[in-house]
C-alpha atoms as a PDB file:
ATOM      1  CA  MET A   1      42.027  -1.541 -30.604  1.00  0.00           C
ATOM      2  CA  SER A   2      43.797  -0.466 -27.401  1.00  0.00           C
ATOM      3  CA  SER A   3      43.542   3.186 -28.417  1.00  0.00           C
ATOM      4  CA  ASN A   4      39.721   2.883 -28.398  1.00  0.00           C
ATOM      5  CA  LEU A   5      39.433   1.329 -24.928  1.00  0.00           C
ATOM      6  CA  PRO A   6      38.893   4.656 -23.066  1.00  0.00           C
ATOM      7  CA  ILE A   7      36.064   5.610 -25.425  1.00  0.00           C
ATOM      8  CA  ILE A   8      34.473   2.161 -25.088  1.00  0.00           C
ATOM      9  CA  ALA A   9      34.741   2.337 -21.300  1.00  0.00           C
ATOM     10  CA  ILE A  10      33.196   5.824 -21.184  1.00  0.00           C
ATOM     11  CA  GLU A  11      30.348   4.748 -23.460  1.00  0.00           C
ATOM     12  CA  LEU A  12      29.745   1.624 -21.366  1.00  0.00           C
ATOM     13  CA  VAL A  13      29.589   3.661 -18.158  1.00  0.00           C
ATOM     14  CA  LEU A  14      27.237   6.224 -19.717  1.00  0.00           C
ATOM     15  CA  VAL A  15      24.878   3.609 -21.181  1.00  0.00           C
ATOM     16  CA  LEU A  16      24.748   1.410 -18.087  1.00  0.00           C
ATOM     17  CA  GLY A  17      24.568   4.418 -15.774  1.00  0.00           C
ATOM     18  CA  GLY A  18      21.752   5.947 -17.787  1.00  0.00           C
ATOM     19  CA  THR A  19      19.848   2.671 -17.835  1.00  0.00           C
ATOM     20  CA  LEU A  20      20.222   2.165 -14.101  1.00  0.00           C
ATOM     21  CA  ALA A  21      19.240   5.777 -13.383  1.00  0.00           C
ATOM     22  CA  PHE A  22      16.146   5.475 -15.581  1.00  0.00           C
ATOM     23  CA  GLY A  23      15.116   2.204 -13.920  1.00  0.00           C
ATOM     24  CA  TRP A  24      15.582   3.697 -10.443  1.00  0.00           C
ATOM     25  CA  TRP A  25      13.558   6.762 -11.450  1.00  0.00           C
ATOM     26  CA  GLN A  26      10.685   4.617 -12.742  1.00  0.00           C
ATOM     27  CA  LEU A  27      10.600   2.420  -9.640  1.00  0.00           C
ATOM     28  CA  ARG A  28      10.588   5.557  -7.482  1.00  0.00           C
ATOM     29  CA  ASP A  29       7.687   6.947  -9.509  1.00  0.00           C
ATOM     30  CA  VAL A  30       5.699   3.704  -9.166  1.00  0.00           C
ATOM     31  CA  LYS A  31       6.290   3.674  -5.412  1.00  0.00           C
ATOM     32  CA  ARG A  32       5.062   7.265  -5.117  1.00  0.00           C
ATOM     33  CA  ALA A  33       1.956   6.497  -7.194  1.00  0.00           C
ATOM     34  CA  GLN A  34       1.158   3.467  -5.022  1.00  0.00           C
ATOM     35  CA  ALA A  35       1.551   5.533  -1.857  1.00  0.00           C
ATOM     36  CA  LYS A  36      -0.678   8.259  -3.289  1.00  0.00           C
ATOM     37  CA  ARG A  37      -3.363   5.733  -4.258  1.00  0.00           C
ATOM     38  CA  ALA A  38      -3.197   4.100  -0.824  1.00  0.00           C
ATOM     39  CA  ALA A  39      -3.659   7.514   0.805  1.00  0.00           C
ATOM     40  CA  GLU A  40      -6.645   8.232  -1.468  1.00  0.00           C
ATOM     41  CA  ARG A  41      -8.236   4.887  -0.581  1.00  0.00           C
ATOM     42  CA  ALA A  42      -7.673   5.521   3.113  1.00  0.00           C
ATOM     43  CA  ALA A  43      -9.300   8.952   2.779  1.00  0.00           C
ATOM     44  CA  GLU A  44     -12.288   7.467   0.925  1.00  0.00           C
ATOM     45  CA  LYS A  45     -12.666   4.753   3.542  1.00  0.00           C
ATOM     46  CA  ALA A  46     -12.495   7.318   6.351  1.00  0.00           C
ATOM     47  CA  GLU A  47     -15.216   9.416   4.703  1.00  0.00           C
ATOM     48  CA  ASP A  48     -17.718   6.603   4.164  1.00  0.00           C
ATOM     49  CA  PRO A  49     -16.797   3.310   5.853  1.00  0.00           C
ATOM     50  CA  GLY A  50     -20.152   1.622   5.053  1.00  0.00           C
ATOM     51  CA  ALA A  51     -20.017   2.161   1.282  1.00  0.00           C
ATOM     52  CA  GLU A  52     -17.206  -0.313   0.730  1.00  0.00           C
ATOM     53  CA  VAL A  53     -18.983  -3.099   2.622  1.00  0.00           C
ATOM     54  CA  GLY A  54     -22.083  -2.817   0.437  1.00  0.00           C
ATOM     55  CA  ALA A  55     -20.076  -2.937  -2.755  1.00  0.00           C
ATOM     56  CA  ASP A  56     -18.129  -5.992  -1.585  1.00  0.00           C
ATOM     57  CA  SER A  57     -21.245  -7.950  -0.617  1.00  0.00           C
ATOM     58  CA  ALA A  58     -22.922  -7.201  -3.955  1.00  0.00           C
ATOM     59  CA  ALA A  59     -19.806  -8.289  -5.846  1.00  0.00           C
ATOM     60  CA  ALA A  60     -19.515 -11.467  -3.788  1.00  0.00           C
ATOM     61  CA  ALA A  61     -23.124 -12.390  -4.502  1.00  0.00           C
ATOM     62  CA  GLY A  62     -22.404 -12.497  -8.225  1.00  0.00           C
ATOM     63  CA  PRO A  63     -24.521 -11.448 -11.189  1.00  0.00           C
ATOM     64  CA  ALA A  64     -27.448 -13.673 -10.166  1.00  0.00           C
ATOM     65  CA  ALA A  65     -28.196 -11.356  -7.219  1.00  0.00           C
ATOM     66  CA  HIS A  66     -28.994  -8.520  -9.644  1.00  0.00           C
ATOM     67  CA  GLU A  67     -31.344 -10.446 -11.922  1.00  0.00           C
ATOM     68  CA  SER A  68     -35.081 -10.292 -11.511  1.00  0.00           C
ATOM     69  CA  PRO A  69     -36.970 -13.531 -10.919  1.00  0.00           C
ATOM     70  CA  ARG A  70     -38.436 -15.041 -14.065  1.00  0.00           C
ATOM     71  CA  SER A  71     -42.076 -15.990 -14.294  1.00  0.00           C
END
């Protein structure tokens, strides 16, 4: 068993290191995607600041605001 300890240690370091590196890479990618989306939203808001207000008020009114009155 003691002759296998270096191989076990190397495998443990490679597996844990690879897992940690992959997790870090994914979190970095998510952070970049969130920053990109935030920049896109800011650009859209800067282009047409009144469009977002109209969409929010229609959504807040609910589906009843879009129905026609019944006779």
